[in-house]
Amino acid sequence: MKKGIHPDYRPVVFRDPSAGTAFLTRSTIGSAKTVEWGDGAVYPVVDVDVSSASHPFYTGRNRVLDSAGRVERFKQRYGRAGR
């Protein structure tokens, strides 16, 4: 690998404020905000909108769509006039 052309690969905390969870991993992403982790060290923190703790697929809280109402509206709008 060439020296000086790659971004720094360092520990970073990713935090999901909506779920109240955070995890420490390594990344090249940078952030001006920092947080003190459980080991006493200070790491850059990146706030994310969705994580596995808040995503409906992983939590099992899927939204149920009103598909029957949609089908009926479609049939009314585009159904054959002879039926």
N, C-alpha and C. Protein backbone atom coordinates (compact mmCIF):
# COMPACT_ATOMS: atom_id res chain seq x y z
N MET A 1 0.83 -1.18 0.00
CA MET A 1 0.00 0.00 0.00
C MET A 1 0.88 1.24 0.00
N LYS A 2 0.45 2.25 -0.70
CA LYS A 2 1.18 3.51 -0.72
C LYS A 2 0.96 4.25 0.58
N LYS A 3 1.97 4.90 1.06
CA LYS A 3 1.88 5.67 2.29
C LYS A 3 1.24 7.03 2.01
N GLY A 4 0.40 7.49 2.95
CA GLY A 4 -0.14 8.84 2.90
C GLY A 4 -1.35 9.07 2.01
N ILE A 5 -1.88 8.04 1.34
CA ILE A 5 -3.04 8.26 0.48
C ILE A 5 -4.33 7.67 1.04
N HIS A 6 -4.22 6.87 2.10
CA HIS A 6 -5.39 6.20 2.66
C HIS A 6 -5.90 6.97 3.89
N PRO A 7 -7.22 7.01 4.09
CA PRO A 7 -7.76 7.69 5.27
C PRO A 7 -7.43 6.90 6.54
N ASP A 8 -7.48 7.59 7.67
CA ASP A 8 -7.21 6.93 8.96
C ASP A 8 -8.32 5.94 9.27
N TYR A 9 -7.93 4.74 9.68
CA TYR A 9 -8.87 3.69 10.08
C TYR A 9 -8.77 3.59 11.59
N ARG A 10 -9.79 4.10 12.29
CA ARG A 10 -9.70 4.22 13.74
C ARG A 10 -11.02 3.83 14.39
N PRO A 11 -11.02 3.66 15.71
CA PRO A 11 -12.28 3.36 16.42
C PRO A 11 -13.24 4.55 16.36
N VAL A 12 -14.52 4.26 16.10
CA VAL A 12 -15.58 5.27 16.02
C VAL A 12 -16.82 4.70 16.69
N VAL A 13 -17.56 5.55 17.40
CA VAL A 13 -18.82 5.15 18.02
C VAL A 13 -19.95 5.56 17.10
N PHE A 14 -20.82 4.62 16.74
CA PHE A 14 -22.04 4.90 15.98
C PHE A 14 -23.19 4.86 16.98
N ARG A 15 -23.99 5.94 17.01
CA ARG A 15 -25.06 6.07 17.99
C ARG A 15 -26.40 6.27 17.29
N ASP A 16 -27.41 5.54 17.76
CA ASP A 16 -28.79 5.70 17.26
C ASP A 16 -29.60 6.36 18.36
N PRO A 17 -29.80 7.68 18.29
CA PRO A 17 -30.52 8.38 19.36
C PRO A 17 -31.97 7.95 19.52
N SER A 18 -32.63 7.52 18.44
CA SER A 18 -34.03 7.13 18.55
C SER A 18 -34.20 5.84 19.35
N ALA A 19 -33.20 4.95 19.31
CA ALA A 19 -33.29 3.70 20.04
C ALA A 19 -32.48 3.74 21.33
N GLY A 20 -31.64 4.75 21.48
CA GLY A 20 -30.83 4.86 22.69
C GLY A 20 -29.69 3.85 22.75
N THR A 21 -29.20 3.43 21.60
CA THR A 21 -28.11 2.46 21.56
C THR A 21 -26.89 3.05 20.88
N ALA A 22 -25.74 2.47 21.17
CA ALA A 22 -24.50 2.88 20.54
C ALA A 22 -23.58 1.67 20.47
N PHE A 23 -22.70 1.65 19.48
CA PHE A 23 -21.73 0.58 19.39
C PHE A 23 -20.41 1.12 18.87
N LEU A 24 -19.34 0.50 19.34
CA LEU A 24 -17.99 0.91 18.98
C LEU A 24 -17.47 -0.03 17.92
N THR A 25 -16.97 0.54 16.84
CA THR A 25 -16.40 -0.24 15.75
C THR A 25 -15.27 0.58 15.14
N ARG A 26 -14.69 0.10 14.08
CA ARG A 26 -13.63 0.84 13.40
C ARG A 26 -14.15 1.33 12.06
N SER A 27 -13.75 2.56 11.68
CA SER A 27 -14.22 3.15 10.45
C SER A 27 -13.26 4.24 10.00
N THR A 28 -13.43 4.68 8.75
CA THR A 28 -12.65 5.79 8.24
C THR A 28 -13.43 7.10 8.30
N ILE A 29 -14.70 7.04 8.72
CA ILE A 29 -15.53 8.24 8.77
C ILE A 29 -15.03 9.17 9.88
N GLY A 30 -15.13 10.46 9.64
CA GLY A 30 -14.69 11.44 10.62
C GLY A 30 -15.86 12.17 11.23
N SER A 31 -15.65 12.72 12.40
CA SER A 31 -16.70 13.47 13.08
C SER A 31 -16.06 14.47 14.02
N ALA A 32 -16.67 15.64 14.14
CA ALA A 32 -16.18 16.66 15.07
C ALA A 32 -16.67 16.39 16.48
N LYS A 33 -17.78 15.64 16.61
CA LYS A 33 -18.33 15.33 17.93
C LYS A 33 -17.59 14.14 18.53
N THR A 34 -17.46 14.14 19.85
CA THR A 34 -16.80 13.03 20.55
C THR A 34 -17.68 12.58 21.71
N VAL A 35 -17.39 11.38 22.19
CA VAL A 35 -18.10 10.82 23.32
C VAL A 35 -17.12 9.98 24.14
N GLU A 36 -17.33 9.96 25.45
CA GLU A 36 -16.51 9.11 26.30
C GLU A 36 -17.16 7.74 26.39
N TRP A 37 -16.42 6.71 26.04
CA TRP A 37 -16.93 5.34 26.01
C TRP A 37 -16.73 4.71 27.38
N GLY A 38 -17.26 3.54 27.59
CA GLY A 38 -17.19 2.84 28.87
C GLY A 38 -15.79 2.52 29.35
N ASP A 39 -14.83 2.44 28.44
CA ASP A 39 -13.45 2.13 28.83
C ASP A 39 -12.68 3.39 29.25
N GLY A 40 -13.34 4.56 29.24
CA GLY A 40 -12.72 5.80 29.65
C GLY A 40 -12.07 6.57 28.51
N ALA A 41 -11.95 5.97 27.34
CA ALA A 41 -11.34 6.65 26.20
C ALA A 41 -12.39 7.52 25.49
N VAL A 42 -11.92 8.53 24.79
CA VAL A 42 -12.80 9.44 24.04
C VAL A 42 -12.68 9.10 22.56
N TYR A 43 -13.84 8.87 21.92
CA TYR A 43 -13.89 8.48 20.51
C TYR A 43 -14.77 9.44 19.74
N PRO A 44 -14.54 9.59 18.43
CA PRO A 44 -15.48 10.35 17.60
C PRO A 44 -16.82 9.61 17.56
N VAL A 45 -17.92 10.36 17.51
CA VAL A 45 -19.24 9.75 17.49
C VAL A 45 -19.99 10.21 16.24
N VAL A 46 -20.70 9.27 15.61
CA VAL A 46 -21.52 9.54 14.43
C VAL A 46 -22.95 9.14 14.77
N ASP A 47 -23.89 10.08 14.68
CA ASP A 47 -25.30 9.78 14.92
C ASP A 47 -25.93 9.27 13.63
N VAL A 48 -26.61 8.13 13.73
CA VAL A 48 -27.27 7.53 12.56
C VAL A 48 -28.78 7.59 12.77
N ASP A 49 -29.52 7.65 11.66
CA ASP A 49 -30.98 7.71 11.73
C ASP A 49 -31.59 6.35 12.02
N VAL A 50 -31.03 5.30 11.42
CA VAL A 50 -31.59 3.96 11.55
C VAL A 50 -30.45 2.99 11.81
N SER A 51 -30.67 2.10 12.76
CA SER A 51 -29.72 1.02 13.03
C SER A 51 -30.51 -0.26 13.21
N SER A 52 -29.82 -1.34 13.52
CA SER A 52 -30.52 -2.61 13.72
C SER A 52 -31.42 -2.55 14.95
N ALA A 53 -31.17 -1.62 15.86
CA ALA A 53 -32.00 -1.49 17.05
C ALA A 53 -33.32 -0.76 16.78
N SER A 54 -33.39 0.01 15.69
CA SER A 54 -34.61 0.77 15.41
C SER A 54 -35.25 0.44 14.07
N HIS A 55 -34.62 -0.36 13.23
CA HIS A 55 -35.18 -0.68 11.92
C HIS A 55 -36.32 -1.69 12.07
N PRO A 56 -37.45 -1.45 11.43
CA PRO A 56 -38.60 -2.35 11.57
C PRO A 56 -38.32 -3.80 11.15
N PHE A 57 -37.46 -4.02 10.20
CA PHE A 57 -37.16 -5.39 9.77
C PHE A 57 -36.51 -6.19 10.90
N TYR A 58 -35.60 -5.57 11.63
CA TYR A 58 -34.89 -6.27 12.69
C TYR A 58 -35.65 -6.31 14.00
N THR A 59 -36.51 -5.32 14.23
CA THR A 59 -37.24 -5.28 15.50
C THR A 59 -38.56 -6.03 15.42
N GLY A 60 -39.06 -6.32 14.22
CA GLY A 60 -40.33 -7.03 14.07
C GLY A 60 -41.53 -6.12 14.14
N ARG A 61 -41.33 -4.82 14.14
CA ARG A 61 -42.44 -3.86 14.20
C ARG A 61 -42.73 -3.32 12.81
N ASN A 62 -43.16 -4.19 11.93
CA ASN A 62 -43.47 -3.78 10.56
C ASN A 62 -44.80 -3.07 10.51
N ARG A 63 -44.93 -2.17 9.54
CA ARG A 63 -46.20 -1.50 9.33
C ARG A 63 -47.07 -2.38 8.45
N VAL A 64 -48.35 -2.42 8.75
CA VAL A 64 -49.30 -3.19 7.95
C VAL A 64 -50.01 -2.21 7.02
N LEU A 65 -49.90 -2.46 5.73
CA LEU A 65 -50.55 -1.60 4.76
C LEU A 65 -51.97 -2.06 4.49
N ASP A 66 -52.83 -1.15 4.17
CA ASP A 66 -54.22 -1.45 3.86
C ASP A 66 -54.29 -1.88 2.40
N SER A 67 -53.84 -3.09 2.10
CA SER A 67 -53.79 -3.54 0.71
C SER A 67 -55.18 -3.80 0.14
N ALA A 68 -56.12 -4.21 0.97
CA ALA A 68 -57.47 -4.47 0.47
C ALA A 68 -58.11 -3.18 -0.02
N GLY A 69 -57.93 -2.11 0.70
CA GLY A 69 -58.47 -0.82 0.27
C GLY A 69 -57.82 -0.33 -1.00
N ARG A 70 -56.55 -0.60 -1.15
CA ARG A 70 -55.84 -0.20 -2.36
C ARG A 70 -56.35 -0.98 -3.58
N VAL A 71 -56.57 -2.26 -3.39
CA VAL A 71 -57.05 -3.09 -4.50
C VAL A 71 -58.44 -2.63 -4.92
N GLU A 72 -59.30 -2.35 -3.97
CA GLU A 72 -60.66 -1.91 -4.29
C GLU A 72 -60.64 -0.57 -5.02
N ARG A 73 -59.79 0.35 -4.59
CA ARG A 73 -59.69 1.63 -5.29
C ARG A 73 -59.17 1.44 -6.71
N PHE A 74 -58.21 0.53 -6.88
CA PHE A 74 -57.68 0.26 -8.22
C PHE A 74 -58.78 -0.30 -9.12
N LYS A 75 -59.56 -1.26 -8.59
CA LYS A 75 -60.64 -1.86 -9.39
C LYS A 75 -61.70 -0.82 -9.74
N GLN A 76 -62.04 0.06 -8.83
CA GLN A 76 -63.02 1.11 -9.11
C GLN A 76 -62.51 2.06 -10.19
N ARG A 77 -61.26 2.38 -10.12
CA ARG A 77 -60.69 3.36 -11.05
C ARG A 77 -60.45 2.77 -12.42
N TYR A 78 -59.91 1.55 -12.49
CA TYR A 78 -59.48 0.99 -13.75
C TYR A 78 -60.24 -0.28 -14.15
N GLY A 79 -61.25 -0.66 -13.40
CA GLY A 79 -62.01 -1.86 -13.70
C GLY A 79 -62.82 -1.71 -14.97
N ARG A 80 -63.21 -2.82 -15.52
CA ARG A 80 -64.00 -2.80 -16.74
C ARG A 80 -65.42 -2.30 -16.44
N ALA A 81 -65.97 -1.54 -17.37
CA ALA A 81 -67.30 -0.98 -17.19
C ALA A 81 -68.38 -2.04 -17.37
N GLY A 82 -68.13 -3.12 -18.11
CA GLY A 82 -69.12 -4.15 -18.39
C GLY A 82 -69.34 -5.10 -17.24
N ARG A 83 -68.54 -5.09 -16.24
CA ARG A 83 -68.67 -6.04 -15.13
C ARG A 83 -69.55 -5.56 -14.05
